[in-house]
Amino acid sequence: MGKGFLSPFSFYDMNDILAEKKEIRRKVKQLKMNLSEDQRQKAEDLIIAQLLADEHISSSKVIAAYWSLPDEMPTHRLIEQLVSAGHDVYLPVIDGETLNFRKYEGADSLSEEKRFGILEPHYGSLMPSDVTFPIIVPGIAFTSDGCRLGRGGGFYDHFLEQKSDSYKIGIAFYCQIFSSLPTDVFDIRMDKVIWG
């Protein structure tokens, strides 16, 4: 491989992809701000119903999810319902540049992570490394066939690359679903995307 060779994209291709991703993030932010409280509530209800009916979710003792930020598809009620149904739910914890998951032990176990402002479990066991489990994944945008655009930090893509056998479910508002998205070799596809 020659010096300076970039594969599979040229420098200019990568710049185009990054610029397009930035524009989609800007657009989706505005679209989500335009959602009414009623639209958000109906979307959340629909997502919860679909996830609870999913065989990968219902048959798994261990589930990875996320404690939603205000601009994300809400998951707080979903998580409580999963716990009530007997599932062990694990939530992301950022450790430097690495994404780990820690068991959710109730809302009182959460504290704010300083860099991104997400709420993380500050106690509870770490997710077993030898277990295959479904992962409920946040995103800025998705396609119906599994492409995902995240916030740009690469945390989930790096984690999901190591969990290729786990079933990955992206959840979103309908305004976050696109017919196509700019992707590169580092972007991990979802096995299923649901929206409301």
C-alpha atoms as a PDB file:
ATOM      1  CA  MET A   1       0.000   0.000   0.000  1.00  0.00           C
ATOM      2  CA  GLY A   2       1.493   3.298  -1.092  1.00  0.00           C
ATOM      3  CA  LYS A   3       2.171   6.197   1.230  1.00  0.00           C
ATOM      4  CA  GLY A   4      -0.911   8.327   1.779  1.00  0.00           C
ATOM      5  CA  PHE A   5      -3.312   5.723   0.322  1.00  0.00           C
ATOM      6  CA  LEU A   6      -6.795   6.026   1.812  1.00  0.00           C
ATOM      7  CA  SER A   7      -9.136   3.076   1.520  1.00  0.00           C
ATOM      8  CA  PRO A   8     -11.939   2.778   0.616  1.00  0.00           C
ATOM      9  CA  PHE A   9     -12.558   6.553   0.478  1.00  0.00           C
ATOM     10  CA  SER A  10     -10.441   9.425  -0.741  1.00  0.00           C
ATOM     11  CA  PHE A  11      -9.779  12.435   1.494  1.00  0.00           C
ATOM     12  CA  TYR A  12     -12.385  14.402  -0.460  1.00  0.00           C
ATOM     13  CA  ASP A  13     -14.967  11.626  -0.245  1.00  0.00           C
ATOM     14  CA  MET A  14     -14.556  11.518   3.545  1.00  0.00           C
ATOM     15  CA  ASN A  15     -14.928  15.297   3.765  1.00  0.00           C
ATOM     16  CA  ASP A  16     -18.143  15.084   1.720  1.00  0.00           C
ATOM     17  CA  ILE A  17     -19.487  12.325   3.975  1.00  0.00           C
ATOM     18  CA  LEU A  18     -18.662  14.259   7.153  1.00  0.00           C
ATOM     19  CA  ALA A  19     -20.276  17.418   5.782  1.00  0.00           C
ATOM     20  CA  GLU A  20     -23.424  15.527   4.786  1.00  0.00           C
ATOM     21  CA  LYS A  21     -23.626  13.860   8.210  1.00  0.00           C
ATOM     22  CA  LYS A  22     -23.301  17.269   9.892  1.00  0.00           C
ATOM     23  CA  GLU A  23     -26.137  18.664   7.773  1.00  0.00           C
ATOM     24  CA  ILE A  24     -28.412  15.705   8.579  1.00  0.00           C
ATOM     25  CA  ARG A  25     -27.735  16.147  12.306  1.00  0.00           C
ATOM     26  CA  ARG A  26     -28.703  19.821  11.996  1.00  0.00           C
ATOM     27  CA  LYS A  27     -31.870  18.983  10.060  1.00  0.00           C
ATOM     28  CA  VAL A  28     -32.993  16.244  12.456  1.00  0.00           C
ATOM     29  CA  LYS A  29     -32.440  18.508  15.458  1.00  0.00           C
ATOM     30  CA  GLN A  30     -34.892  21.001  13.962  1.00  0.00           C
ATOM     31  CA  LEU A  31     -37.410  18.311  12.991  1.00  0.00           C
ATOM     32  CA  LYS A  32     -37.442  16.892  16.517  1.00  0.00           C
ATOM     33  CA  MET A  33     -37.904  20.346  18.016  1.00  0.00           C
ATOM     34  CA  ASN A  34     -41.093  20.650  15.930  1.00  0.00           C
ATOM     35  CA  LEU A  35     -42.654  17.505  17.430  1.00  0.00           C
ATOM     36  CA  SER A  36     -45.570  18.186  19.766  1.00  0.00           C
ATOM     37  CA  GLU A  37     -45.814  16.605  23.203  1.00  0.00           C
ATOM     38  CA  ASP A  38     -48.730  14.507  21.931  1.00  0.00           C
ATOM     39  CA  GLN A  39     -46.649  13.238  18.998  1.00  0.00           C
ATOM     40  CA  ARG A  40     -43.799  12.347  21.334  1.00  0.00           C
ATOM     41  CA  GLN A  41     -46.122  10.482  23.695  1.00  0.00           C
ATOM     42  CA  LYS A  42     -47.748   8.480  20.897  1.00  0.00           C
ATOM     43  CA  ALA A  43     -44.337   7.627  19.441  1.00  0.00           C
ATOM     44  CA  GLU A  44     -43.083   6.444  22.825  1.00  0.00           C
ATOM     45  CA  ASP A  45     -46.185   4.271  23.339  1.00  0.00           C
ATOM     46  CA  LEU A  46     -45.718   2.701  19.909  1.00  0.00           C
ATOM     47  CA  ILE A  47     -42.023   1.998  20.471  1.00  0.00           C
ATOM     48  CA  ILE A  48     -42.660   0.399  23.873  1.00  0.00           C
ATOM     49  CA  ALA A  49     -45.379  -1.849  22.437  1.00  0.00           C
ATOM     50  CA  GLN A  50     -43.154  -2.969  19.546  1.00  0.00           C
ATOM     51  CA  LEU A  51     -40.136  -3.629  21.750  1.00  0.00           C
ATOM     52  CA  LEU A  52     -42.068  -5.579  24.380  1.00  0.00           C
ATOM     53  CA  ALA A  53     -43.538  -7.729  21.585  1.00  0.00           C
ATOM     54  CA  ASP A  54     -40.155  -8.373  19.945  1.00  0.00           C
ATOM     55  CA  GLU A  55     -39.055 -11.993  20.433  1.00  0.00           C
ATOM     56  CA  HIS A  56     -35.398 -11.021  20.872  1.00  0.00           C
ATOM     57  CA  ILE A  57     -36.368  -8.732  23.756  1.00  0.00           C
ATOM     58  CA  SER A  58     -38.954 -10.981  25.403  1.00  0.00           C
ATOM     59  CA  SER A  59     -36.716 -14.059  25.324  1.00  0.00           C
ATOM     60  CA  SER A  60     -33.570 -12.411  26.712  1.00  0.00           C
ATOM     61  CA  LYS A  61     -32.768 -12.055  30.409  1.00  0.00           C
ATOM     62  CA  VAL A  62     -30.142  -9.382  29.680  1.00  0.00           C
ATOM     63  CA  ILE A  63     -30.932  -6.264  27.612  1.00  0.00           C
ATOM     64  CA  ALA A  64     -28.747  -3.240  26.861  1.00  0.00           C
ATOM     65  CA  ALA A  65     -30.615   0.054  26.548  1.00  0.00           C
ATOM     66  CA  TYR A  66     -29.937   3.757  27.134  1.00  0.00           C
ATOM     67  CA  TRP A  67     -31.317   6.389  29.497  1.00  0.00           C
ATOM     68  CA  SER A  68     -32.642   8.918  26.997  1.00  0.00           C
ATOM     69  CA  LEU A  69     -31.625  12.559  26.766  1.00  0.00           C
ATOM     70  CA  PRO A  70     -34.429  15.131  26.328  1.00  0.00           C
ATOM     71  CA  ASP A  71     -34.015  15.166  22.520  1.00  0.00           C
ATOM     72  CA  GLU A  72     -34.039  11.370  22.125  1.00  0.00           C
ATOM     73  CA  MET A  73     -36.811   8.805  21.850  1.00  0.00           C
ATOM     74  CA  PRO A  74     -37.856   8.434  25.525  1.00  0.00           C
ATOM     75  CA  THR A  75     -36.764   5.206  27.203  1.00  0.00           C
ATOM     76  CA  HIS A  76     -37.318   5.806  30.939  1.00  0.00           C
ATOM     77  CA  ARG A  77     -40.766   4.189  31.028  1.00  0.00           C
ATOM     78  CA  LEU A  78     -39.586   1.379  28.749  1.00  0.00           C
ATOM     79  CA  ILE A  79     -36.688   0.568  31.073  1.00  0.00           C
ATOM     80  CA  GLU A  80     -38.938   0.434  34.132  1.00  0.00           C
ATOM     81  CA  GLN A  81     -41.327  -1.890  32.294  1.00  0.00           C
ATOM     82  CA  LEU A  82     -38.477  -4.174  31.238  1.00  0.00           C
ATOM     83  CA  VAL A  83     -37.201  -4.349  34.810  1.00  0.00           C
ATOM     84  CA  SER A  84     -40.728  -5.054  36.102  1.00  0.00           C
ATOM     85  CA  ALA A  85     -40.990  -7.885  33.571  1.00  0.00           C
ATOM     86  CA  GLY A  86     -37.866  -9.509  35.069  1.00  0.00           C
ATOM     87  CA  HIS A  87     -35.171  -8.380  32.636  1.00  0.00           C
ATOM     88  CA  ASP A  88     -31.722  -7.231  33.710  1.00  0.00           C
ATOM     89  CA  VAL A  89     -31.255  -3.883  31.952  1.00  0.00           C
ATOM     90  CA  TYR A  90     -27.787  -2.438  31.427  1.00  0.00           C
ATOM     91  CA  LEU A  91     -27.108   1.202  30.550  1.00  0.00           C
ATOM     92  CA  PRO A  92     -24.060   2.827  28.933  1.00  0.00           C
ATOM     93  CA  VAL A  93     -21.191   4.215  30.978  1.00  0.00           C
ATOM     94  CA  ILE A  94     -18.485   6.251  29.242  1.00  0.00           C
ATOM     95  CA  ASP A  95     -15.013   5.341  30.461  1.00  0.00           C
ATOM     96  CA  GLY A  96     -12.527   7.599  28.690  1.00  0.00           C
ATOM     97  CA  GLU A  97     -13.039   6.747  25.011  1.00  0.00           C
ATOM     98  CA  THR A  98     -14.722   3.415  25.758  1.00  0.00           C
ATOM     99  CA  LEU A  99     -18.393   2.565  26.119  1.00  0.00           C
ATOM    100  CA  ASN A 100     -19.200   0.026  28.842  1.00  0.00           C
ATOM    101  CA  PHE A 101     -22.569  -1.022  30.262  1.00  0.00           C
ATOM    102  CA  ARG A 102     -23.564  -1.221  33.919  1.00  0.00           C
ATOM    103  CA  LYS A 103     -26.676  -2.799  35.431  1.00  0.00           C
ATOM    104  CA  TYR A 104     -29.554  -0.427  36.091  1.00  0.00           C
ATOM    105  CA  GLU A 105     -30.506  -0.492  39.771  1.00  0.00           C
ATOM    106  CA  GLY A 106     -33.194   2.199  39.721  1.00  0.00           C
ATOM    107  CA  ALA A 107     -33.274   5.913  38.962  1.00  0.00           C
ATOM    108  CA  ASP A 108     -31.466   6.663  42.243  1.00  0.00           C
ATOM    109  CA  SER A 109     -28.412   4.810  40.911  1.00  0.00           C
ATOM    110  CA  LEU A 110     -27.945   7.324  38.072  1.00  0.00           C
ATOM    111  CA  SER A 111     -25.593  10.299  38.088  1.00  0.00           C
ATOM    112  CA  GLU A 112     -24.671  12.794  35.382  1.00  0.00           C
ATOM    113  CA  GLU A 113     -21.632  12.104  33.244  1.00  0.00           C
ATOM    114  CA  LYS A 114     -19.685  15.357  32.924  1.00  0.00           C
ATOM    115  CA  ARG A 115     -18.605  15.383  29.278  1.00  0.00           C
ATOM    116  CA  PHE A 116     -21.926  14.694  27.521  1.00  0.00           C
ATOM    117  CA  GLY A 117     -24.455  15.166  30.316  1.00  0.00           C
ATOM    118  CA  ILE A 118     -25.944  11.683  30.073  1.00  0.00           C
ATOM    119  CA  LEU A 119     -27.179   9.902  33.177  1.00  0.00           C
ATOM    120  CA  GLU A 120     -25.166   6.769  33.966  1.00  0.00           C
ATOM    121  CA  PRO A 121     -25.420   4.086  36.659  1.00  0.00           C
ATOM    122  CA  HIS A 122     -22.733   4.925  39.221  1.00  0.00           C
ATOM    123  CA  TYR A 123     -23.013   1.484  40.835  1.00  0.00           C
ATOM    124  CA  GLY A 124     -24.193  -1.919  39.721  1.00  0.00           C
ATOM    125  CA  SER A 125     -22.366  -4.791  38.050  1.00  0.00           C
ATOM    126  CA  LEU A 126     -20.733  -4.409  34.659  1.00  0.00           C
ATOM    127  CA  MET A 127     -22.322  -6.287  31.781  1.00  0.00           C
ATOM    128  CA  PRO A 128     -20.892  -9.811  31.388  1.00  0.00           C
ATOM    129  CA  SER A 129     -18.547  -9.901  28.392  1.00  0.00           C
ATOM    130  CA  ASP A 130     -19.453 -13.455  27.415  1.00  0.00           C
ATOM    131  CA  VAL A 131     -23.213 -12.893  27.022  1.00  0.00           C
ATOM    132  CA  THR A 132     -25.075 -12.259  23.749  1.00  0.00           C
ATOM    133  CA  PHE A 133     -27.983  -9.870  24.258  1.00  0.00           C
ATOM    134  CA  PRO A 134     -30.238  -7.462  22.367  1.00  0.00           C
ATOM    135  CA  ILE A 135     -29.067  -3.844  22.311  1.00  0.00           C
ATOM    136  CA  ILE A 136     -31.519  -0.938  22.032  1.00  0.00           C
ATOM    137  CA  VAL A 137     -29.518   1.736  20.227  1.00  0.00           C
ATOM    138  CA  PRO A 138     -30.069   5.513  20.030  1.00  0.00           C
ATOM    139  CA  GLY A 139     -29.243   7.493  16.929  1.00  0.00           C
ATOM    140  CA  ILE A 140     -29.681  10.791  15.162  1.00  0.00           C
ATOM    141  CA  ALA A 141     -31.028   9.172  11.992  1.00  0.00           C
ATOM    142  CA  PHE A 142     -31.703   5.710  10.571  1.00  0.00           C
ATOM    143  CA  THR A 143     -32.835   4.050   7.370  1.00  0.00           C
ATOM    144  CA  SER A 144     -35.507   1.376   7.500  1.00  0.00           C
ATOM    145  CA  ASP A 145     -32.957  -1.240   6.417  1.00  0.00           C
ATOM    146  CA  GLY A 146     -30.553  -0.577   9.285  1.00  0.00           C
ATOM    147  CA  CYS A 147     -28.151   2.259   8.488  1.00  0.00           C
ATOM    148  CA  ARG A 148     -27.500   4.491  11.486  1.00  0.00           C
ATOM    149  CA  LEU A 149     -26.107   7.975  11.999  1.00  0.00           C
ATOM    150  CA  GLY A 150     -24.978   8.702  15.554  1.00  0.00           C
ATOM    151  CA  ARG A 151     -23.777  11.861  17.270  1.00  0.00           C
ATOM    152  CA  GLY A 152     -20.302  11.519  15.801  1.00  0.00           C
ATOM    153  CA  GLY A 153     -18.259  10.267  18.735  1.00  0.00           C
ATOM    154  CA  GLY A 154     -18.029   6.676  17.508  1.00  0.00           C
ATOM    155  CA  PHE A 155     -18.741   5.199  20.961  1.00  0.00           C
ATOM    156  CA  TYR A 156     -21.573   2.934  19.847  1.00  0.00           C
ATOM    157  CA  ASP A 157     -19.912   1.910  16.579  1.00  0.00           C
ATOM    158  CA  HIS A 158     -16.796   0.756  18.447  1.00  0.00           C
ATOM    159  CA  PHE A 159     -18.874  -1.104  21.038  1.00  0.00           C
ATOM    160  CA  LEU A 160     -21.198  -2.711  18.483  1.00  0.00           C
ATOM    161  CA  GLU A 161     -18.264  -3.854  16.368  1.00  0.00           C
ATOM    162  CA  GLN A 162     -17.181  -6.018  19.303  1.00  0.00           C
ATOM    163  CA  LYS A 163     -20.759  -7.314  19.786  1.00  0.00           C
ATOM    164  CA  SER A 164     -21.449  -8.457  16.237  1.00  0.00           C
ATOM    165  CA  ASP A 165     -23.501 -11.452  17.473  1.00  0.00           C
ATOM    166  CA  SER A 166     -25.852  -9.274  19.508  1.00  0.00           C
ATOM    167  CA  TYR A 167     -29.198  -8.207  18.050  1.00  0.00           C
ATOM    168  CA  LYS A 168     -29.139  -4.444  17.456  1.00  0.00           C
ATOM    169  CA  ILE A 169     -32.412  -2.486  17.450  1.00  0.00           C
ATOM    170  CA  GLY A 170     -32.445   1.200  16.540  1.00  0.00           C
ATOM    171  CA  ILE A 171     -35.370   3.277  17.810  1.00  0.00           C
ATOM    172  CA  ALA A 172     -36.431   6.696  16.587  1.00  0.00           C
ATOM    173  CA  PHE A 173     -39.146   9.212  15.877  1.00  0.00           C
ATOM    174  CA  TYR A 174     -40.582   8.990  12.350  1.00  0.00           C
ATOM    175  CA  CYS A 175     -38.801  12.239  11.415  1.00  0.00           C
ATOM    176  CA  GLN A 176     -35.457  10.506  12.000  1.00  0.00           C
ATOM    177  CA  ILE A 177     -36.045   7.918   9.261  1.00  0.00           C
ATOM    178  CA  PHE A 178     -34.332   8.626   5.921  1.00  0.00           C
ATOM    179  CA  SER A 179     -34.398   6.783   2.605  1.00  0.00           C
ATOM    180  CA  SER A 180     -30.578   6.761   2.610  1.00  0.00           C
ATOM    181  CA  LEU A 181     -27.712   8.001   4.778  1.00  0.00           C
ATOM    182  CA  PRO A 182     -24.026   8.714   4.165  1.00  0.00           C
ATOM    183  CA  THR A 183     -22.026   5.879   5.715  1.00  0.00           C
ATOM    184  CA  ASP A 184     -18.444   4.736   5.952  1.00  0.00           C
ATOM    185  CA  VAL A 185     -16.714   1.491   6.922  1.00  0.00           C
ATOM    186  CA  PHE A 186     -16.899   2.344  10.633  1.00  0.00           C
ATOM    187  CA  ASP A 187     -20.710   2.674  10.749  1.00  0.00           C
ATOM    188  CA  ILE A 188     -22.397  -0.440  12.173  1.00  0.00           C
ATOM    189  CA  ARG A 189     -25.769  -1.459  10.778  1.00  0.00           C
ATOM    190  CA  MET A 190     -28.786  -2.307  12.905  1.00  0.00           C
ATOM    191  CA  ASP A 191     -30.571  -5.640  12.615  1.00  0.00           C
ATOM    192  CA  LYS A 192     -33.906  -3.859  13.046  1.00  0.00           C
ATOM    193  CA  VAL A 193     -35.129  -0.260  13.143  1.00  0.00           C
ATOM    194  CA  ILE A 194     -38.473   0.756  14.629  1.00  0.00           C
ATOM    195  CA  TRP A 195     -40.003   4.201  14.779  1.00  0.00           C
ATOM    196  CA  GLY A 196     -43.109   5.970  15.940  1.00  0.00           C
END
